[in-house]
Amino acid sequence: MFSTVSIIIILVLFCALAALTYMAVKLKNQCDRYKRGLAVQKGFLQNMSHDIRTPMNAICGFSQILCNSQIRGMLSEEEIAEYGVIIQSNTDLLSTLVSDILDISDMESGKYRLNISTCNANDVCRKAISTVGHRCPAGVKMYMTTDVPDTYMFRSDPKRVEQVVMNYLTNAVKHTVEGEIHVHVSLAEHPGMLTFSVTDTGEGVPTDKAEVIFGRFEKFNTIKGGTGLGLAICRTIATQLGGEAKLDLTHQGRGARFIFTHPV
């Protein structure tokens, strides 16, 4: 028979062993998360190195051609215009990459602020299209429809709302080689909410990746350029504005449809 003291000692040892086991498992999980974080960071830096170098090389290369009077004299007006478009497109791409990095940095440091004012729902989308439209592949039609009156105004941060639509459009342009990219604004789709949607006829997104793609540094197609931050930024902005950013799962098999809802 065990004495009372022996039983107490055994219980104490058991509790100590359980506590040590718990701490060991917790430390292992933290170590695993740290390793995964390092892997993600390493992959991000590698991707960024490639993604920044690509537009920079294009900008520098074609700028040198256009600035060399001898070479420029051998080019046709069409070629000069084409090179100018390439420079502009890659400048916009580089600007987007840098903006994404700065936005994520501000979000993590708590410096990301919303500037609420009155804005026009349809104008926000038109501005986004005018900014991204020239990147659209030749075989793709980008257009907008709306069931919202052109005079309809709502309270929000117009810059951030436009940023969400622009990020959706940028994503659609990267993954659509033919067909169309359709922006729509609606007050009827989700009652009580203003709904912005961007639908494309691209490769689409598997159902099991519907949430994954909104994570930071996540890219469904790693061959395509980009930081993997655009959709994460969309979700953060939507959440801060009281809305939601998500993939429309009812649109599977016909490309992709991304939704941004905003309270009215």
C-alpha atoms as a PDB file:
ATOM      1  CA  MET A   1       0.000   0.000   0.000  1.00  0.00           C
ATOM      2  CA  PHE A   2       1.242   3.484  -0.911  1.00  0.00           C
ATOM      3  CA  SER A   3       1.409   5.976   1.917  1.00  0.00           C
ATOM      4  CA  THR A   4      -0.306   9.344   1.643  1.00  0.00           C
ATOM      5  CA  VAL A   5       3.090  11.023   1.186  1.00  0.00           C
ATOM      6  CA  SER A   6       3.997   8.620  -1.658  1.00  0.00           C
ATOM      7  CA  ILE A   7       0.714   9.306  -3.417  1.00  0.00           C
ATOM      8  CA  ILE A   8       1.265  13.059  -3.116  1.00  0.00           C
ATOM      9  CA  ILE A   9       4.803  12.718  -4.495  1.00  0.00           C
ATOM     10  CA  ILE A  10       3.537  10.623  -7.419  1.00  0.00           C
ATOM     11  CA  LEU A  11       0.810  13.165  -8.186  1.00  0.00           C
ATOM     12  CA  VAL A  12       3.303  16.034  -8.054  1.00  0.00           C
ATOM     13  CA  LEU A  13       5.685  14.178 -10.350  1.00  0.00           C
ATOM     14  CA  PHE A  14       2.812  13.345 -12.712  1.00  0.00           C
ATOM     15  CA  CYS A  15       1.711  16.991 -12.808  1.00  0.00           C
ATOM     16  CA  ALA A  16       5.307  18.107 -13.379  1.00  0.00           C
ATOM     17  CA  LEU A  17       5.702  15.589 -16.183  1.00  0.00           C
ATOM     18  CA  ALA A  18       2.427  16.739 -17.759  1.00  0.00           C
ATOM     19  CA  ALA A  19       3.521  20.369 -17.501  1.00  0.00           C
ATOM     20  CA  LEU A  20       6.901  19.579 -19.068  1.00  0.00           C
ATOM     21  CA  THR A  21       5.209  17.637 -21.859  1.00  0.00           C
ATOM     22  CA  TYR A  22       2.842  20.536 -22.512  1.00  0.00           C
ATOM     23  CA  MET A  23       5.740  23.006 -22.596  1.00  0.00           C
ATOM     24  CA  ALA A  24       7.713  20.736 -24.920  1.00  0.00           C
ATOM     25  CA  VAL A  25       4.768  20.463 -27.346  1.00  0.00           C
ATOM     26  CA  LYS A  26       4.183  24.226 -27.166  1.00  0.00           C
ATOM     27  CA  LEU A  27       7.865  24.958 -27.845  1.00  0.00           C
ATOM     28  CA  LYS A  28       7.856  22.497 -30.746  1.00  0.00           C
ATOM     29  CA  ASN A  29       4.794  24.194 -32.253  1.00  0.00           C
ATOM     30  CA  GLN A  30       6.404  27.590 -31.844  1.00  0.00           C
ATOM     31  CA  CYS A  31       9.577  26.260 -33.431  1.00  0.00           C
ATOM     32  CA  ASP A  32       7.592  24.820 -36.344  1.00  0.00           C
ATOM     33  CA  ARG A  33       5.775  28.142 -36.834  1.00  0.00           C
ATOM     34  CA  TYR A  34       9.106  29.963 -36.707  1.00  0.00           C
ATOM     35  CA  LYS A  35      10.550  27.636 -39.338  1.00  0.00           C
ATOM     36  CA  ARG A  36       7.474  28.063 -41.527  1.00  0.00           C
ATOM     37  CA  GLY A  37       7.758  31.824 -41.060  1.00  0.00           C
ATOM     38  CA  LEU A  38      11.388  31.755 -42.147  1.00  0.00           C
ATOM     39  CA  ALA A  39      10.463  29.633 -45.189  1.00  0.00           C
ATOM     40  CA  VAL A  40       7.681  32.052 -46.144  1.00  0.00           C
ATOM     41  CA  GLN A  41       9.983  35.026 -45.630  1.00  0.00           C
ATOM     42  CA  LYS A  42      12.707  33.416 -47.724  1.00  0.00           C
ATOM     43  CA  GLY A  43      10.238  32.601 -50.503  1.00  0.00           C
ATOM     44  CA  PHE A  44       8.838  36.130 -50.340  1.00  0.00           C
ATOM     45  CA  LEU A  45      12.286  37.724 -50.654  1.00  0.00           C
ATOM     46  CA  GLN A  46      13.141  35.442 -53.574  1.00  0.00           C
ATOM     47  CA  ASN A  47       9.875  36.274 -55.328  1.00  0.00           C
ATOM     48  CA  MET A  48      10.302  39.982 -54.649  1.00  0.00           C
ATOM     49  CA  SER A  49      13.829  39.924 -56.028  1.00  0.00           C
ATOM     50  CA  HIS A  50      12.506  38.417 -59.254  1.00  0.00           C
ATOM     51  CA  ASP A  51       9.310  40.476 -59.431  1.00  0.00           C
ATOM     52  CA  ILE A  52      11.111  43.796 -58.914  1.00  0.00           C
ATOM     53  CA  ARG A  53      14.016  42.967 -61.199  1.00  0.00           C
ATOM     54  CA  THR A  54      11.741  42.060 -64.128  1.00  0.00           C
ATOM     55  CA  PRO A  55       9.965  45.446 -64.536  1.00  0.00           C
ATOM     56  CA  MET A  56      13.162  47.336 -63.672  1.00  0.00           C
ATOM     57  CA  ASN A  57      15.043  45.563 -66.462  1.00  0.00           C
ATOM     58  CA  ALA A  58      12.246  46.364 -68.911  1.00  0.00           C
ATOM     59  CA  ILE A  59      12.114  50.018 -67.870  1.00  0.00           C
ATOM     60  CA  CYS A  60      15.898  50.445 -68.044  1.00  0.00           C
ATOM     61  CA  GLY A  61      16.284  48.497 -71.289  1.00  0.00           C
ATOM     62  CA  PHE A  62      13.590  50.237 -73.316  1.00  0.00           C
ATOM     63  CA  SER A  63      14.445  53.651 -71.828  1.00  0.00           C
ATOM     64  CA  GLN A  64      18.031  53.247 -73.012  1.00  0.00           C
ATOM     65  CA  ILE A  65      16.789  52.373 -76.487  1.00  0.00           C
ATOM     66  CA  LEU A  66      14.550  55.448 -76.684  1.00  0.00           C
ATOM     67  CA  CYS A  67      17.259  57.724 -75.247  1.00  0.00           C
ATOM     68  CA  ASN A  68      19.860  56.587 -77.788  1.00  0.00           C
ATOM     69  CA  SER A  69      19.406  58.931 -80.743  1.00  0.00           C
ATOM     70  CA  GLN A  70      21.043  56.544 -83.222  1.00  0.00           C
ATOM     71  CA  ILE A  71      18.882  53.573 -82.280  1.00  0.00           C
ATOM     72  CA  ARG A  72      15.739  55.728 -81.947  1.00  0.00           C
ATOM     73  CA  GLY A  73      16.293  57.026 -85.486  1.00  0.00           C
ATOM     74  CA  MET A  74      16.049  53.462 -86.785  1.00  0.00           C
ATOM     75  CA  LEU A  75      12.668  52.851 -85.149  1.00  0.00           C
ATOM     76  CA  SER A  76       9.231  53.475 -86.617  1.00  0.00           C
ATOM     77  CA  GLU A  77       6.665  55.630 -84.818  1.00  0.00           C
ATOM     78  CA  GLU A  78       4.686  52.473 -84.018  1.00  0.00           C
ATOM     79  CA  GLU A  79       7.725  50.861 -82.389  1.00  0.00           C
ATOM     80  CA  ILE A  80       8.472  53.990 -80.354  1.00  0.00           C
ATOM     81  CA  ALA A  81       4.862  54.097 -79.152  1.00  0.00           C
ATOM     82  CA  GLU A  82       4.955  50.374 -78.325  1.00  0.00           C
ATOM     83  CA  TYR A  83       8.141  50.770 -76.275  1.00  0.00           C
ATOM     84  CA  GLY A  84       6.554  53.699 -74.454  1.00  0.00           C
ATOM     85  CA  VAL A  85       3.573  51.531 -73.519  1.00  0.00           C
ATOM     86  CA  ILE A  86       5.923  48.802 -72.243  1.00  0.00           C
ATOM     87  CA  ILE A  87       7.776  51.320 -70.077  1.00  0.00           C
ATOM     88  CA  GLN A  88       4.508  52.701 -68.685  1.00  0.00           C
ATOM     89  CA  SER A  89       3.107  49.232 -67.993  1.00  0.00           C
ATOM     90  CA  ASN A  90       6.221  48.095 -66.143  1.00  0.00           C
ATOM     91  CA  THR A  91       6.394  51.383 -64.215  1.00  0.00           C
ATOM     92  CA  ASP A  92       2.822  50.788 -63.021  1.00  0.00           C
ATOM     93  CA  LEU A  93       3.697  47.203 -62.084  1.00  0.00           C
ATOM     94  CA  LEU A  94       6.736  48.296 -60.087  1.00  0.00           C
ATOM     95  CA  SER A  95       4.667  50.986 -58.360  1.00  0.00           C
ATOM     96  CA  THR A  96       2.043  48.385 -57.417  1.00  0.00           C
ATOM     97  CA  LEU A  97       4.675  46.054 -55.950  1.00  0.00           C
ATOM     98  CA  VAL A  98       6.178  48.812 -53.821  1.00  0.00           C
ATOM     99  CA  SER A  99       2.734  50.036 -52.711  1.00  0.00           C
ATOM    100  CA  ASP A 100       1.739  46.522 -51.616  1.00  0.00           C
ATOM    101  CA  ILE A 101       4.870  46.190 -49.485  1.00  0.00           C
ATOM    102  CA  LEU A 102       4.367  49.611 -47.890  1.00  0.00           C
ATOM    103  CA  ASP A 103       0.684  48.893 -47.204  1.00  0.00           C
ATOM    104  CA  ILE A 104       1.449  45.602 -45.469  1.00  0.00           C
ATOM    105  CA  SER A 105       4.180  47.313 -43.448  1.00  0.00           C
ATOM    106  CA  ASP A 106       1.745  50.044 -42.352  1.00  0.00           C
ATOM    107  CA  MET A 107      -0.894  47.457 -41.438  1.00  0.00           C
ATOM    108  CA  GLU A 108       1.542  45.535 -39.251  1.00  0.00           C
ATOM    109  CA  SER A 109       2.820  48.688 -37.533  1.00  0.00           C
ATOM    110  CA  GLY A 110      -0.660  50.115 -36.938  1.00  0.00           C
ATOM    111  CA  LYS A 111      -0.030  53.152 -39.135  1.00  0.00           C
ATOM    112  CA  TYR A 112      -2.656  52.180 -41.716  1.00  0.00           C
ATOM    113  CA  ARG A 113      -5.430  54.772 -41.491  1.00  0.00           C
ATOM    114  CA  LEU A 114      -8.797  55.264 -43.172  1.00  0.00           C
ATOM    115  CA  ASN A 115      -9.849  58.708 -44.380  1.00  0.00           C
ATOM    116  CA  ILE A 116     -13.629  58.600 -44.466  1.00  0.00           C
ATOM    117  CA  SER A 117     -15.490  60.960 -46.775  1.00  0.00           C
ATOM    118  CA  THR A 118     -18.344  60.944 -49.290  1.00  0.00           C
ATOM    119  CA  CYS A 119     -17.603  59.103 -52.523  1.00  0.00           C
ATOM    120  CA  ASN A 120     -19.393  58.072 -55.706  1.00  0.00           C
ATOM    121  CA  ALA A 121     -19.725  54.283 -56.118  1.00  0.00           C
ATOM    122  CA  ASN A 122     -19.590  54.215 -59.907  1.00  0.00           C
ATOM    123  CA  ASP A 123     -16.778  56.755 -60.204  1.00  0.00           C
ATOM    124  CA  VAL A 124     -14.573  54.653 -57.913  1.00  0.00           C
ATOM    125  CA  CYS A 125     -14.850  51.728 -60.337  1.00  0.00           C
ATOM    126  CA  ARG A 126     -14.302  53.896 -63.411  1.00  0.00           C
ATOM    127  CA  LYS A 127     -11.083  55.238 -61.904  1.00  0.00           C
ATOM    128  CA  ALA A 128      -9.888  51.721 -61.113  1.00  0.00           C
ATOM    129  CA  ILE A 129     -10.591  50.590 -64.688  1.00  0.00           C
ATOM    130  CA  SER A 130      -8.810  53.613 -66.170  1.00  0.00           C
ATOM    131  CA  THR A 131      -5.752  52.817 -64.043  1.00  0.00           C
ATOM    132  CA  VAL A 132      -5.577  49.092 -64.832  1.00  0.00           C
ATOM    133  CA  GLY A 133      -7.232  48.956 -68.256  1.00  0.00           C
ATOM    134  CA  HIS A 134      -4.096  49.470 -70.333  1.00  0.00           C
ATOM    135  CA  ARG A 135      -2.585  46.302 -68.810  1.00  0.00           C
ATOM    136  CA  CYS A 136      -5.426  44.194 -70.192  1.00  0.00           C
ATOM    137  CA  PRO A 137      -4.282  41.619 -72.809  1.00  0.00           C
ATOM    138  CA  ALA A 138      -5.312  42.335 -76.404  1.00  0.00           C
ATOM    139  CA  GLY A 139      -7.815  39.473 -76.499  1.00  0.00           C
ATOM    140  CA  VAL A 140      -9.606  40.474 -73.297  1.00  0.00           C
ATOM    141  CA  LYS A 141     -12.470  42.961 -72.989  1.00  0.00           C
ATOM    142  CA  MET A 142     -12.661  44.941 -69.738  1.00  0.00           C
ATOM    143  CA  TYR A 143     -15.936  46.706 -69.042  1.00  0.00           C
ATOM    144  CA  MET A 144     -18.258  47.874 -66.278  1.00  0.00           C
ATOM    145  CA  THR A 145     -21.983  47.611 -65.550  1.00  0.00           C
ATOM    146  CA  THR A 146     -23.988  48.959 -62.629  1.00  0.00           C
ATOM    147  CA  ASP A 147     -27.498  48.939 -61.193  1.00  0.00           C
ATOM    148  CA  VAL A 148     -26.570  51.835 -58.912  1.00  0.00           C
ATOM    149  CA  PRO A 149     -27.668  55.376 -59.882  1.00  0.00           C
ATOM    150  CA  ASP A 150     -24.784  57.468 -61.146  1.00  0.00           C
ATOM    151  CA  THR A 151     -25.504  60.036 -58.459  1.00  0.00           C
ATOM    152  CA  TYR A 152     -25.338  57.468 -55.643  1.00  0.00           C
ATOM    153  CA  MET A 153     -22.944  58.505 -52.865  1.00  0.00           C
ATOM    154  CA  PHE A 154     -21.802  56.608 -49.791  1.00  0.00           C
ATOM    155  CA  ARG A 155     -19.499  57.185 -46.830  1.00  0.00           C
ATOM    156  CA  SER A 156     -16.134  55.454 -47.037  1.00  0.00           C
ATOM    157  CA  ASP A 157     -12.470  55.925 -47.866  1.00  0.00           C
ATOM    158  CA  PRO A 158     -12.600  56.328 -51.672  1.00  0.00           C
ATOM    159  CA  LYS A 159      -8.885  55.623 -52.077  1.00  0.00           C
ATOM    160  CA  ARG A 160      -9.162  52.292 -50.235  1.00  0.00           C
ATOM    161  CA  VAL A 161     -12.340  51.222 -52.035  1.00  0.00           C
ATOM    162  CA  GLU A 162     -10.650  51.978 -55.353  1.00  0.00           C
ATOM    163  CA  GLN A 163      -7.593  50.031 -54.178  1.00  0.00           C
ATOM    164  CA  VAL A 164      -9.680  46.899 -53.563  1.00  0.00           C
ATOM    165  CA  VAL A 165     -11.261  47.089 -57.028  1.00  0.00           C
ATOM    166  CA  MET A 166      -7.844  47.790 -58.592  1.00  0.00           C
ATOM    167  CA  ASN A 167      -6.283  44.795 -56.837  1.00  0.00           C
ATOM    168  CA  TYR A 168      -9.127  42.584 -58.040  1.00  0.00           C
ATOM    169  CA  LEU A 169      -8.653  43.896 -61.588  1.00  0.00           C
ATOM    170  CA  THR A 170      -4.877  43.443 -61.446  1.00  0.00           C
ATOM    171  CA  ASN A 171      -5.402  39.867 -60.316  1.00  0.00           C
ATOM    172  CA  ALA A 172      -7.898  39.252 -63.119  1.00  0.00           C
ATOM    173  CA  VAL A 173      -5.555  40.701 -65.755  1.00  0.00           C
ATOM    174  CA  LYS A 174      -2.758  38.351 -64.658  1.00  0.00           C
ATOM    175  CA  HIS A 175      -4.936  35.251 -64.938  1.00  0.00           C
ATOM    176  CA  THR A 176      -7.074  36.023 -68.005  1.00  0.00           C
ATOM    177  CA  VAL A 177      -5.694  35.606 -71.524  1.00  0.00           C
ATOM    178  CA  GLU A 178      -8.976  35.670 -73.459  1.00  0.00           C
ATOM    179  CA  GLY A 179     -12.611  36.530 -72.923  1.00  0.00           C
ATOM    180  CA  GLU A 180     -13.581  39.343 -70.569  1.00  0.00           C
ATOM    181  CA  ILE A 181     -13.138  41.060 -67.231  1.00  0.00           C
ATOM    182  CA  HIS A 182     -16.406  42.449 -65.919  1.00  0.00           C
ATOM    183  CA  VAL A 183     -16.771  44.975 -63.094  1.00  0.00           C
ATOM    184  CA  HIS A 184     -20.252  45.299 -61.587  1.00  0.00           C
ATOM    185  CA  VAL A 185     -21.718  47.504 -58.862  1.00  0.00           C
ATOM    186  CA  SER A 186     -24.939  46.493 -57.120  1.00  0.00           C
ATOM    187  CA  LEU A 187     -27.213  47.484 -54.260  1.00  0.00           C
ATOM    188  CA  ALA A 188     -29.512  44.497 -54.782  1.00  0.00           C
ATOM    189  CA  GLU A 189     -27.130  41.515 -54.569  1.00  0.00           C
ATOM    190  CA  HIS A 190     -26.601  41.802 -50.810  1.00  0.00           C
ATOM    191  CA  PRO A 191     -29.368  43.882 -49.171  1.00  0.00           C
ATOM    192  CA  GLY A 192     -27.966  46.565 -46.915  1.00  0.00           C
ATOM    193  CA  MET A 193     -24.590  46.333 -48.610  1.00  0.00           C
ATOM    194  CA  LEU A 194     -23.004  47.916 -51.657  1.00  0.00           C
ATOM    195  CA  THR A 195     -21.448  45.099 -53.692  1.00  0.00           C
ATOM    196  CA  PHE A 196     -18.470  45.520 -56.001  1.00  0.00           C
ATOM    197  CA  SER A 197     -17.557  42.456 -58.053  1.00  0.00           C
ATOM    198  CA  VAL A 198     -14.875  41.611 -60.600  1.00  0.00           C
ATOM    199  CA  THR A 199     -15.556  38.587 -62.799  1.00  0.00           C
ATOM    200  CA  ASP A 200     -13.089  37.117 -65.290  1.00  0.00           C
ATOM    201  CA  THR A 201     -12.945  34.226 -67.746  1.00  0.00           C
ATOM    202  CA  GLY A 202      -9.499  33.131 -66.618  1.00  0.00           C
ATOM    203  CA  GLU A 203      -8.198  29.922 -65.076  1.00  0.00           C
ATOM    204  CA  GLY A 204     -10.304  30.232 -61.939  1.00  0.00           C
ATOM    205  CA  VAL A 205      -9.498  29.205 -58.371  1.00  0.00           C
ATOM    206  CA  PRO A 206     -10.078  25.735 -56.850  1.00  0.00           C
ATOM    207  CA  THR A 207     -12.622  25.665 -54.036  1.00  0.00           C
ATOM    208  CA  ASP A 208     -10.041  24.465 -51.518  1.00  0.00           C
ATOM    209  CA  LYS A 209      -7.920  27.552 -52.260  1.00  0.00           C
ATOM    210  CA  ALA A 210     -10.763  30.049 -51.789  1.00  0.00           C
ATOM    211  CA  GLU A 211      -9.493  31.137 -48.375  1.00  0.00           C
ATOM    212  CA  VAL A 212      -5.808  30.356 -48.849  1.00  0.00           C
ATOM    213  CA  ILE A 213      -5.392  32.974 -51.588  1.00  0.00           C
ATOM    214  CA  PHE A 214      -6.374  35.738 -49.158  1.00  0.00           C
ATOM    215  CA  GLY A 215      -3.376  34.928 -46.960  1.00  0.00           C
ATOM    216  CA  ARG A 216      -0.225  37.011 -47.076  1.00  0.00           C
ATOM    217  CA  PHE A 217       2.380  35.946 -49.634  1.00  0.00           C
ATOM    218  CA  GLU A 218      -0.013  33.294 -50.995  1.00  0.00           C
ATOM    219  CA  LYS A 219      -0.109  32.769 -54.759  1.00  0.00           C
ATOM    220  CA  PHE A 220      -2.259  30.136 -56.441  1.00  0.00           C
ATOM    221  CA  ASN A 221      -0.142  30.311 -59.594  1.00  0.00           C
ATOM    222  CA  THR A 222       3.498  30.909 -58.624  1.00  0.00           C
ATOM    223  CA  ILE A 223       4.499  31.468 -62.261  1.00  0.00           C
ATOM    224  CA  LYS A 224       2.496  34.687 -62.424  1.00  0.00           C
ATOM    225  CA  GLY A 225       4.160  37.864 -61.179  1.00  0.00           C
ATOM    226  CA  GLY A 226       3.215  39.666 -57.996  1.00  0.00           C
ATOM    227  CA  THR A 227       3.932  39.648 -54.282  1.00  0.00           C
ATOM    228  CA  GLY A 228       1.002  37.536 -53.150  1.00  0.00           C
ATOM    229  CA  LEU A 229      -0.131  40.496 -51.023  1.00  0.00           C
ATOM    230  CA  GLY A 230      -2.882  42.041 -53.144  1.00  0.00           C
ATOM    231  CA  LEU A 231      -5.788  39.889 -51.982  1.00  0.00           C
ATOM    232  CA  ALA A 232      -4.607  39.975 -48.359  1.00  0.00           C
ATOM    233  CA  ILE A 233      -4.706  43.775 -48.544  1.00  0.00           C
ATOM    234  CA  CYS A 234      -8.210  43.617 -50.055  1.00  0.00           C
ATOM    235  CA  ARG A 235      -9.472  41.550 -47.137  1.00  0.00           C
ATOM    236  CA  THR A 236      -7.879  43.809 -44.526  1.00  0.00           C
ATOM    237  CA  ILE A 237      -9.367  46.940 -46.119  1.00  0.00           C
ATOM    238  CA  ALA A 238     -12.805  45.332 -46.469  1.00  0.00           C
ATOM    239  CA  THR A 239     -12.767  44.230 -42.826  1.00  0.00           C
ATOM    240  CA  GLN A 240     -11.741  47.682 -41.596  1.00  0.00           C
ATOM    241  CA  LEU A 241     -14.580  49.216 -43.618  1.00  0.00           C
ATOM    242  CA  GLY A 242     -17.091  46.798 -42.099  1.00  0.00           C
ATOM    243  CA  GLY A 243     -17.475  44.697 -45.229  1.00  0.00           C
ATOM    244  CA  GLU A 244     -16.129  41.487 -46.674  1.00  0.00           C
ATOM    245  CA  ALA A 245     -13.729  40.425 -49.428  1.00  0.00           C
ATOM    246  CA  LYS A 246     -14.186  36.906 -50.757  1.00  0.00           C
ATOM    247  CA  LEU A 247     -14.258  34.572 -53.737  1.00  0.00           C
ATOM    248  CA  ASP A 248     -17.719  33.772 -55.120  1.00  0.00           C
ATOM    249  CA  LEU A 249     -17.885  29.971 -54.831  1.00  0.00           C
ATOM    250  CA  THR A 250     -21.015  29.798 -56.996  1.00  0.00           C
ATOM    251  CA  HIS A 251     -18.962  30.853 -60.005  1.00  0.00           C
ATOM    252  CA  GLN A 252     -16.692  27.803 -60.120  1.00  0.00           C
ATOM    253  CA  GLY A 253     -15.793  26.438 -63.559  1.00  0.00           C
ATOM    254  CA  ARG A 254     -16.383  29.746 -65.348  1.00  0.00           C
ATOM    255  CA  GLY A 255     -13.323  31.703 -64.353  1.00  0.00           C
ATOM    256  CA  ALA A 256     -13.288  33.622 -61.072  1.00  0.00           C
ATOM    257  CA  ARG A 257     -15.559  36.156 -59.430  1.00  0.00           C
ATOM    258  CA  PHE A 258     -14.286  38.232 -56.515  1.00  0.00           C
ATOM    259  CA  ILE A 259     -16.690  40.176 -54.309  1.00  0.00           C
ATOM    260  CA  PHE A 260     -16.228  43.192 -52.066  1.00  0.00           C
ATOM    261  CA  THR A 261     -19.211  44.153 -49.930  1.00  0.00           C
ATOM    262  CA  HIS A 262     -19.453  47.535 -48.204  1.00  0.00           C
ATOM    263  CA  PRO A 263     -22.108  48.643 -45.695  1.00  0.00           C
ATOM    264  CA  VAL A 264     -24.403  51.461 -46.810  1.00  0.00           C
END
